[in-house]
Amino acid sequence: MAKGEVAGERLYPPTTTLSMFMRQTLGADATCQKAVNGWAAQRAADGLRACSVRTGGYCRARQRLPLEMVNALRRHTGPLLSG
């Protein structure tokens, strides 16, 4: 097990998934592949174990995000982003 990892820990916990999703939706290249590639690069930079760059796990993690949490974030950040 690599530094900073715990046995049984999810690769895409809700906070990580939400952060990735926000970057994905705000970026010029809003593909799932770009989001997963960025996460894999960040893990490598942090000295964590390499992970797959397949998008399936991330897409499933996004589907598990509570819709109310995403909507609340949108309500609070939307006005800030629009000016």
PDB file of N, CA and C in Angstrom:
ATOM      1  N   MET A   1       0.844  -1.182   0.000  1.00  0.00           N
ATOM      2  CA  MET A   1       0.000   0.000   0.000  1.00  0.00           C
ATOM      3  C   MET A   1       0.891   1.248   0.000  1.00  0.00           C
ATOM      4  N   ALA A   2       0.536   2.209  -0.818  1.00  0.00           N
ATOM      5  CA  ALA A   2       1.344   3.420  -0.954  1.00  0.00           C
ATOM      6  C   ALA A   2       1.033   4.421   0.150  1.00  0.00           C
ATOM      7  N   LYS A   3       1.936   5.349   0.300  1.00  0.00           N
ATOM      8  CA  LYS A   3       1.786   6.431   1.280  1.00  0.00           C
ATOM      9  C   LYS A   3       0.428   7.120   1.120  1.00  0.00           C
ATOM     10  N   GLY A   4      -0.246   7.347   2.253  1.00  0.00           N
ATOM     11  CA  GLY A   4      -1.492   8.096   2.218  1.00  0.00           C
ATOM     12  C   GLY A   4      -2.708   7.276   1.841  1.00  0.00           C
ATOM     13  N   GLU A   5      -2.571   5.953   1.711  1.00  0.00           N
ATOM     14  CA  GLU A   5      -3.707   5.120   1.348  1.00  0.00           C
ATOM     15  C   GLU A   5      -4.092   4.235   2.515  1.00  0.00           C
ATOM     16  N   VAL A   6      -5.371   3.906   2.585  1.00  0.00           N
ATOM     17  CA  VAL A   6      -5.906   3.052   3.628  1.00  0.00           C
ATOM     18  C   VAL A   6      -6.569   1.866   2.959  1.00  0.00           C
ATOM     19  N   ALA A   7      -6.382   0.679   3.516  1.00  0.00           N
ATOM     20  CA  ALA A   7      -6.989  -0.522   2.944  1.00  0.00           C
ATOM     21  C   ALA A   7      -8.496  -0.327   2.807  1.00  0.00           C
ATOM     22  N   GLY A   8      -9.038  -0.687   1.661  1.00  0.00           N
ATOM     23  CA  GLY A   8     -10.466  -0.588   1.416  1.00  0.00           C
ATOM     24  C   GLY A   8     -10.951   0.812   1.062  1.00  0.00           C
ATOM     25  N   GLU A   9     -10.054   1.762   0.970  1.00  0.00           N
ATOM     26  CA  GLU A   9     -10.436   3.141   0.653  1.00  0.00           C
ATOM     27  C   GLU A   9     -10.859   3.231  -0.806  1.00  0.00           C
ATOM     28  N   ARG A  10     -11.918   3.969  -1.071  1.00  0.00           N
ATOM     29  CA  ARG A  10     -12.387   4.164  -2.445  1.00  0.00           C
ATOM     30  C   ARG A  10     -11.440   5.080  -3.203  1.00  0.00           C
ATOM     31  N   LEU A  11     -11.273   4.783  -4.469  1.00  0.00           N
ATOM     32  CA  LEU A  11     -10.455   5.631  -5.329  1.00  0.00           C
ATOM     33  C   LEU A  11     -11.157   6.970  -5.568  1.00  0.00           C
ATOM     34  N   TYR A  12     -12.488   6.935  -5.602  1.00  0.00           N
ATOM     35  CA  TYR A  12     -13.272   8.146  -5.868  1.00  0.00           C
ATOM     36  C   TYR A  12     -14.261   8.399  -4.727  1.00  0.00           C
ATOM     37  N   PRO A  13     -13.779   8.852  -3.561  1.00  0.00           N
ATOM     38  CA  PRO A  13     -14.721   9.212  -2.501  1.00  0.00           C
ATOM     39  C   PRO A  13     -15.531  10.439  -2.939  1.00  0.00           C
ATOM     40  N   PRO A  14     -16.662  10.712  -2.286  1.00  0.00           N
ATOM     41  CA  PRO A  14     -17.527  11.813  -2.722  1.00  0.00           C
ATOM     42  C   PRO A  14     -16.813  13.161  -2.870  1.00  0.00           C
ATOM     43  N   THR A  15     -15.941  13.520  -1.949  1.00  0.00           N
ATOM     44  CA  THR A  15     -15.277  14.822  -2.047  1.00  0.00           C
ATOM     45  C   THR A  15     -14.366  14.884  -3.272  1.00  0.00           C
ATOM     46  N   THR A  16     -13.657  13.807  -3.548  1.00  0.00           N
ATOM     47  CA  THR A  16     -12.790  13.755  -4.727  1.00  0.00           C
ATOM     48  C   THR A  16     -13.624  13.795  -5.994  1.00  0.00           C
ATOM     49  N   THR A  17     -14.690  13.006  -6.015  1.00  0.00           N
ATOM     50  CA  THR A  17     -15.558  12.954  -7.191  1.00  0.00           C
ATOM     51  C   THR A  17     -16.165  14.318  -7.471  1.00  0.00           C
ATOM     52  N   LEU A  18     -16.637  14.984  -6.436  1.00  0.00           N
ATOM     53  CA  LEU A  18     -17.235  16.306  -6.617  1.00  0.00           C
ATOM     54  C   LEU A  18     -16.208  17.302  -7.137  1.00  0.00           C
ATOM     55  N   SER A  19     -15.013  17.260  -6.601  1.00  0.00           N
ATOM     56  CA  SER A  19     -13.948  18.151  -7.063  1.00  0.00           C
ATOM     57  C   SER A  19     -13.625  17.893  -8.536  1.00  0.00           C
ATOM     58  N   MET A  20     -13.524  16.628  -8.890  1.00  0.00           N
ATOM     59  CA  MET A  20     -13.249  16.278 -10.285  1.00  0.00           C
ATOM     60  C   MET A  20     -14.383  16.742 -11.198  1.00  0.00           C
ATOM     61  N   PHE A  21     -15.615  16.546 -10.753  1.00  0.00           N
ATOM     62  CA  PHE A  21     -16.782  16.921 -11.545  1.00  0.00           C
ATOM     63  C   PHE A  21     -16.821  18.429 -11.769  1.00  0.00           C
ATOM     64  N   MET A  22     -16.515  19.194 -10.723  1.00  0.00           N
ATOM     65  CA  MET A  22     -16.501  20.649 -10.870  1.00  0.00           C
ATOM     66  C   MET A  22     -15.435  21.079 -11.875  1.00  0.00           C
ATOM     67  N   ARG A  23     -14.238  20.510 -11.759  1.00  0.00           N
ATOM     68  CA  ARG A  23     -13.182  20.846 -12.728  1.00  0.00           C
ATOM     69  C   ARG A  23     -13.600  20.445 -14.135  1.00  0.00           C
ATOM     70  N   GLN A  24     -14.232  19.284 -14.241  1.00  0.00           N
ATOM     71  CA  GLN A  24     -14.669  18.801 -15.550  1.00  0.00           C
ATOM     72  C   GLN A  24     -15.663  19.758 -16.193  1.00  0.00           C
ATOM     73  N   THR A  25     -16.655  20.185 -15.436  1.00  0.00           N
ATOM     74  CA  THR A  25     -17.693  21.031 -16.013  1.00  0.00           C
ATOM     75  C   THR A  25     -17.214  22.447 -16.294  1.00  0.00           C
ATOM     76  N   LEU A  26     -16.187  22.897 -15.592  1.00  0.00           N
ATOM     77  CA  LEU A  26     -15.692  24.257 -15.798  1.00  0.00           C
ATOM     78  C   LEU A  26     -14.550  24.335 -16.798  1.00  0.00           C
ATOM     79  N   GLY A  27     -13.992  23.192 -17.173  1.00  0.00           N
ATOM     80  CA  GLY A  27     -12.841  23.178 -18.066  1.00  0.00           C
ATOM     81  C   GLY A  27     -13.218  23.267 -19.533  1.00  0.00           C
ATOM     82  N   ALA A  28     -12.248  23.619 -20.347  1.00  0.00           N
ATOM     83  CA  ALA A  28     -12.469  23.701 -21.792  1.00  0.00           C
ATOM     84  C   ALA A  28     -12.715  22.316 -22.385  1.00  0.00           C
ATOM     85  N   ASP A  29     -11.994  21.310 -21.886  1.00  0.00           N
ATOM     86  CA  ASP A  29     -12.185  19.924 -22.325  1.00  0.00           C
ATOM     87  C   ASP A  29     -12.969  19.231 -21.217  1.00  0.00           C
ATOM     88  N   ALA A  30     -14.281  19.170 -21.375  1.00  0.00           N
ATOM     89  CA  ALA A  30     -15.166  18.673 -20.317  1.00  0.00           C
ATOM     90  C   ALA A  30     -15.432  17.177 -20.421  1.00  0.00           C
ATOM     91  N   THR A  31     -14.460  16.425 -20.910  1.00  0.00           N
ATOM     92  CA  THR A  31     -14.652  14.981 -21.037  1.00  0.00           C
ATOM     93  C   THR A  31     -14.301  14.270 -19.733  1.00  0.00           C
ATOM     94  N   CYS A  32     -14.926  13.116 -19.544  1.00  0.00           N
ATOM     95  CA  CYS A  32     -14.599  12.284 -18.381  1.00  0.00           C
ATOM     96  C   CYS A  32     -13.139  11.845 -18.464  1.00  0.00           C
ATOM     97  N   GLN A  33     -12.659  11.583 -19.666  1.00  0.00           N
ATOM     98  CA  GLN A  33     -11.276  11.129 -19.821  1.00  0.00           C
ATOM     99  C   GLN A  33     -10.296  12.176 -19.328  1.00  0.00           C
ATOM    100  N   LYS A  34     -10.554  13.430 -19.633  1.00  0.00           N
ATOM    101  CA  LYS A  34      -9.682  14.513 -19.169  1.00  0.00           C
ATOM    102  C   LYS A  34      -9.690  14.578 -17.641  1.00  0.00           C
ATOM    103  N   ALA A  35     -10.855  14.414 -17.034  1.00  0.00           N
ATOM    104  CA  ALA A  35     -10.967  14.457 -15.575  1.00  0.00           C
ATOM    105  C   ALA A  35     -10.180  13.312 -14.939  1.00  0.00           C
ATOM    106  N   VAL A  36     -10.319  12.112 -15.485  1.00  0.00           N
ATOM    107  CA  VAL A  36      -9.632  10.941 -14.930  1.00  0.00           C
ATOM    108  C   VAL A  36      -8.126  11.045 -15.148  1.00  0.00           C
ATOM    109  N   ASN A  37      -7.718  11.515 -16.309  1.00  0.00           N
ATOM    110  CA  ASN A  37      -6.285  11.695 -16.563  1.00  0.00           C
ATOM    111  C   ASN A  37      -5.678  12.691 -15.573  1.00  0.00           C
ATOM    112  N   GLY A  38      -6.401  13.769 -15.298  1.00  0.00           N
ATOM    113  CA  GLY A  38      -5.918  14.763 -14.340  1.00  0.00           C
ATOM    114  C   GLY A  38      -5.797  14.191 -12.938  1.00  0.00           C
ATOM    115  N   TRP A  39      -6.762  13.362 -12.541  1.00  0.00           N
ATOM    116  CA  TRP A  39      -6.727  12.733 -11.218  1.00  0.00           C
ATOM    117  C   TRP A  39      -5.557  11.756 -11.124  1.00  0.00           C
ATOM    118  N   ALA A  40      -5.338  10.981 -12.180  1.00  0.00           N
ATOM    119  CA  ALA A  40      -4.220  10.028 -12.188  1.00  0.00           C
ATOM    120  C   ALA A  40      -2.887  10.772 -12.092  1.00  0.00           C
ATOM    121  N   ALA A  41      -2.762  11.884 -12.795  1.00  0.00           N
ATOM    122  CA  ALA A  41      -1.530  12.678 -12.746  1.00  0.00           C
ATOM    123  C   ALA A  41      -1.326  13.271 -11.355  1.00  0.00           C
ATOM    124  N   GLN A  42      -2.413  13.735 -10.727  1.00  0.00           N
ATOM    125  CA  GLN A  42      -2.305  14.300  -9.381  1.00  0.00           C
ATOM    126  C   GLN A  42      -1.879  13.241  -8.379  1.00  0.00           C
ATOM    127  N   ARG A  43      -2.447  12.040  -8.495  1.00  0.00           N
ATOM    128  CA  ARG A  43      -2.064  10.945  -7.601  1.00  0.00           C
ATOM    129  C   ARG A  43      -0.573  10.633  -7.754  1.00  0.00           C
ATOM    130  N   ALA A  44      -0.095  10.589  -8.987  1.00  0.00           N
ATOM    131  CA  ALA A  44       1.323  10.307  -9.231  1.00  0.00           C
ATOM    132  C   ALA A  44       2.195  11.398  -8.611  1.00  0.00           C
ATOM    133  N   ALA A  45       1.784  12.653  -8.783  1.00  0.00           N
ATOM    134  CA  ALA A  45       2.545  13.774  -8.230  1.00  0.00           C
ATOM    135  C   ALA A  45       2.574  13.722  -6.698  1.00  0.00           C
ATOM    136  N   ASP A  46       1.515  13.176  -6.097  1.00  0.00           N
ATOM    137  CA  ASP A  46       1.440  13.064  -4.639  1.00  0.00           C
ATOM    138  C   ASP A  46       2.121  11.805  -4.114  1.00  0.00           C
ATOM    139  N   GLY A  47       2.695  11.008  -5.009  1.00  0.00           N
ATOM    140  CA  GLY A  47       3.393   9.795  -4.597  1.00  0.00           C
ATOM    141  C   GLY A  47       2.481   8.627  -4.265  1.00  0.00           C
ATOM    142  N   LEU A  48       1.223   8.695  -4.724  1.00  0.00           N
ATOM    143  CA  LEU A  48       0.277   7.608  -4.473  1.00  0.00           C
ATOM    144  C   LEU A  48       0.369   6.554  -5.574  1.00  0.00           C
ATOM    145  N   ARG A  49      -0.190   5.397  -5.275  1.00  0.00           N
ATOM    146  CA  ARG A  49      -0.189   4.279  -6.221  1.00  0.00           C
ATOM    147  C   ARG A  49      -0.884   4.694  -7.518  1.00  0.00           C
ATOM    148  N   ALA A  50      -0.337   4.256  -8.630  1.00  0.00           N
ATOM    149  CA  ALA A  50      -0.935   4.559  -9.933  1.00  0.00           C
ATOM    150  C   ALA A  50      -2.331   3.946 -10.009  1.00  0.00           C
ATOM    151  N   CYS A  51      -3.214   4.606 -10.723  1.00  0.00           N
ATOM    152  CA  CYS A  51      -4.567   4.088 -10.903  1.00  0.00           C
ATOM    153  C   CYS A  51      -4.873   4.022 -12.393  1.00  0.00           C
ATOM    154  N   SER A  52      -5.882   3.258 -12.713  1.00  0.00           N
ATOM    155  CA  SER A  52      -6.317   3.119 -14.096  1.00  0.00           C
ATOM    156  C   SER A  52      -6.834   4.459 -14.611  1.00  0.00           C
ATOM    157  N   VAL A  53      -6.686   4.686 -15.894  1.00  0.00           N
ATOM    158  CA  VAL A  53      -7.253   5.895 -16.493  1.00  0.00           C
ATOM    159  C   VAL A  53      -8.545   5.571 -17.250  1.00  0.00           C
ATOM    160  N   ARG A  54      -9.103   4.400 -16.975  1.00  0.00           N
ATOM    161  CA  ARG A  54     -10.425   4.084 -17.520  1.00  0.00           C
ATOM    162  C   ARG A  54     -11.456   4.941 -16.802  1.00  0.00           C
ATOM    163  N   THR A  55     -12.493   5.332 -17.491  1.00  0.00           N
ATOM    164  CA  THR A  55     -13.453   6.293 -16.943  1.00  0.00           C
ATOM    165  C   THR A  55     -14.624   5.663 -16.192  1.00  0.00           C
ATOM    166  N   GLY A  56     -14.810   4.373 -16.278  1.00  0.00           N
ATOM    167  CA  GLY A  56     -15.982   3.717 -15.688  1.00  0.00           C
ATOM    168  C   GLY A  56     -16.152   3.967 -14.203  1.00  0.00           C
ATOM    169  N   GLY A  57     -15.082   3.831 -13.426  1.00  0.00           N
ATOM    170  CA  GLY A  57     -15.170   4.035 -11.979  1.00  0.00           C
ATOM    171  C   GLY A  57     -15.575   5.453 -11.625  1.00  0.00           C
ATOM    172  N   TYR A  58     -15.003   6.415 -12.324  1.00  0.00           N
ATOM    173  CA  TYR A  58     -15.345   7.818 -12.079  1.00  0.00           C
ATOM    174  C   TYR A  58     -16.797   8.094 -12.456  1.00  0.00           C
ATOM    175  N   CYS A  59     -17.236   7.562 -13.587  1.00  0.00           N
ATOM    176  CA  CYS A  59     -18.622   7.788 -14.011  1.00  0.00           C
ATOM    177  C   CYS A  59     -19.611   7.185 -13.015  1.00  0.00           C
ATOM    178  N   ARG A  60     -19.302   6.011 -12.488  1.00  0.00           N
ATOM    179  CA  ARG A  60     -20.165   5.401 -11.465  1.00  0.00           C
ATOM    180  C   ARG A  60     -20.145   6.233 -10.180  1.00  0.00           C
ATOM    181  N   ALA A  61     -18.978   6.750  -9.820  1.00  0.00           N
ATOM    182  CA  ALA A  61     -18.869   7.586  -8.623  1.00  0.00           C
ATOM    183  C   ALA A  61     -19.687   8.863  -8.787  1.00  0.00           C
ATOM    184  N   ARG A  62     -19.680   9.428  -9.969  1.00  0.00           N
ATOM    185  CA  ARG A  62     -20.496  10.635 -10.221  1.00  0.00           C
ATOM    186  C   ARG A  62     -21.973  10.332 -10.046  1.00  0.00           C
ATOM    187  N   GLN A  63     -22.396   9.163 -10.489  1.00  0.00           N
ATOM    188  CA  GLN A  63     -23.807   8.779 -10.354  1.00  0.00           C
ATOM    189  C   GLN A  63     -24.204   8.597  -8.888  1.00  0.00           C
ATOM    190  N   ARG A  64     -23.242   8.285  -8.022  1.00  0.00           N
ATOM    191  CA  ARG A  64     -23.523   8.115  -6.599  1.00  0.00           C
ATOM    192  C   ARG A  64     -23.596   9.442  -5.843  1.00  0.00           C
ATOM    193  N   LEU A  65     -23.157  10.528  -6.455  1.00  0.00           N
ATOM    194  CA  LEU A  65     -23.209  11.822  -5.764  1.00  0.00           C
ATOM    195  C   LEU A  65     -24.668  12.181  -5.476  1.00  0.00           C
ATOM    196  N   PRO A  66     -24.965  12.581  -4.250  1.00  0.00           N
ATOM    197  CA  PRO A  66     -26.338  12.984  -3.933  1.00  0.00           C
ATOM    198  C   PRO A  66     -26.737  14.200  -4.763  1.00  0.00           C
ATOM    199  N   LEU A  67     -27.849  14.094  -5.465  1.00  0.00           N
ATOM    200  CA  LEU A  67     -28.313  15.171  -6.338  1.00  0.00           C
ATOM    201  C   LEU A  67     -28.520  16.464  -5.556  1.00  0.00           C
ATOM    202  N   GLU A  68     -29.028  16.358  -4.335  1.00  0.00           N
ATOM    203  CA  GLU A  68     -29.259  17.566  -3.535  1.00  0.00           C
ATOM    204  C   GLU A  68     -27.944  18.278  -3.219  1.00  0.00           C
ATOM    205  N   MET A  69     -26.869  17.524  -2.998  1.00  0.00           N
ATOM    206  CA  MET A  69     -25.570  18.137  -2.729  1.00  0.00           C
ATOM    207  C   MET A  69     -25.092  18.922  -3.960  1.00  0.00           C
ATOM    208  N   VAL A  70     -25.240  18.330  -5.126  1.00  0.00           N
ATOM    209  CA  VAL A  70     -24.819  18.996  -6.368  1.00  0.00           C
ATOM    210  C   VAL A  70     -25.682  20.232  -6.612  1.00  0.00           C
ATOM    211  N   ASN A  71     -26.985  20.115  -6.387  1.00  0.00           N
ATOM    212  CA  ASN A  71     -27.878  21.267  -6.582  1.00  0.00           C
ATOM    213  C   ASN A  71     -27.570  22.388  -5.599  1.00  0.00           C
ATOM    214  N   ALA A  72     -27.279  22.043  -4.343  1.00  0.00           N
ATOM    215  CA  ALA A  72     -26.943  23.070  -3.349  1.00  0.00           C
ATOM    216  C   ALA A  72     -25.661  23.788  -3.747  1.00  0.00           C
ATOM    217  N   LEU A  73     -24.687  23.053  -4.223  1.00  0.00           N
ATOM    218  CA  LEU A  73     -23.436  23.654  -4.675  1.00  0.00           C
ATOM    219  C   LEU A  73     -23.694  24.590  -5.852  1.00  0.00           C
ATOM    220  N   ARG A  74     -24.520  24.153  -6.767  1.00  0.00           N
ATOM    221  CA  ARG A  74     -24.868  24.993  -7.935  1.00  0.00           C
ATOM    222  C   ARG A  74     -25.546  26.279  -7.490  1.00  0.00           C
ATOM    223  N   ARG A  75     -26.489  26.162  -6.545  1.00  0.00           N
ATOM    224  CA  ARG A  75     -27.207  27.361  -6.062  1.00  0.00           C
ATOM    225  C   ARG A  75     -26.263  28.356  -5.394  1.00  0.00           C
ATOM    226  N   HIS A  76     -25.282  27.852  -4.671  1.00  0.00           N
ATOM    227  CA  HIS A  76     -24.370  28.738  -3.932  1.00  0.00           C
ATOM    228  C   HIS A  76     -23.250  29.297  -4.795  1.00  0.00           C
ATOM    229  N   THR A  77     -22.792  28.513  -5.766  1.00  0.00           N
ATOM    230  CA  THR A  77     -21.655  28.969  -6.568  1.00  0.00           C
ATOM    231  C   THR A  77     -22.067  29.626  -7.880  1.00  0.00           C
ATOM    232  N   GLY A  78     -23.228  29.293  -8.383  1.00  0.00           N
ATOM    233  CA  GLY A  78     -23.689  29.868  -9.651  1.00  0.00           C
ATOM    234  C   GLY A  78     -23.625  31.384  -9.674  1.00  0.00           C
ATOM    235  N   PRO A  79     -24.204  32.059  -8.672  1.00  0.00           N
ATOM    236  CA  PRO A  79     -24.144  33.529  -8.658  1.00  0.00           C
ATOM    237  C   PRO A  79     -22.722  34.069  -8.578  1.00  0.00           C
ATOM    238  N   LEU A  80     -21.850  33.354  -7.892  1.00  0.00           N
ATOM    239  CA  LEU A  80     -20.458  33.803  -7.791  1.00  0.00           C
ATOM    240  C   LEU A  80     -19.734  33.720  -9.134  1.00  0.00           C
ATOM    241  N   LEU A  81     -20.066  32.689  -9.900  1.00  0.00           N
ATOM    242  CA  LEU A  81     -19.414  32.506 -11.198  1.00  0.00           C
ATOM    243  C   LEU A  81     -19.934  33.459 -12.248  1.00  0.00           C
ATOM    244  N   SER A  82     -21.185  33.870 -12.119  1.00  0.00           N
ATOM    245  CA  SER A  82     -21.768  34.742 -13.155  1.00  0.00           C
ATOM    246  C   SER A  82     -21.487  36.221 -12.910  1.00  0.00           C
ATOM    247  N   GLY A  83     -20.817  36.526 -11.840  1.00  0.00           N
ATOM    248  CA  GLY A  83     -20.382  37.880 -11.716  1.00  0.00           C
ATOM    249  C   GLY A  83     -20.830  38.639 -10.571  1.00  0.00           C
TER     250      GLY A  83
END
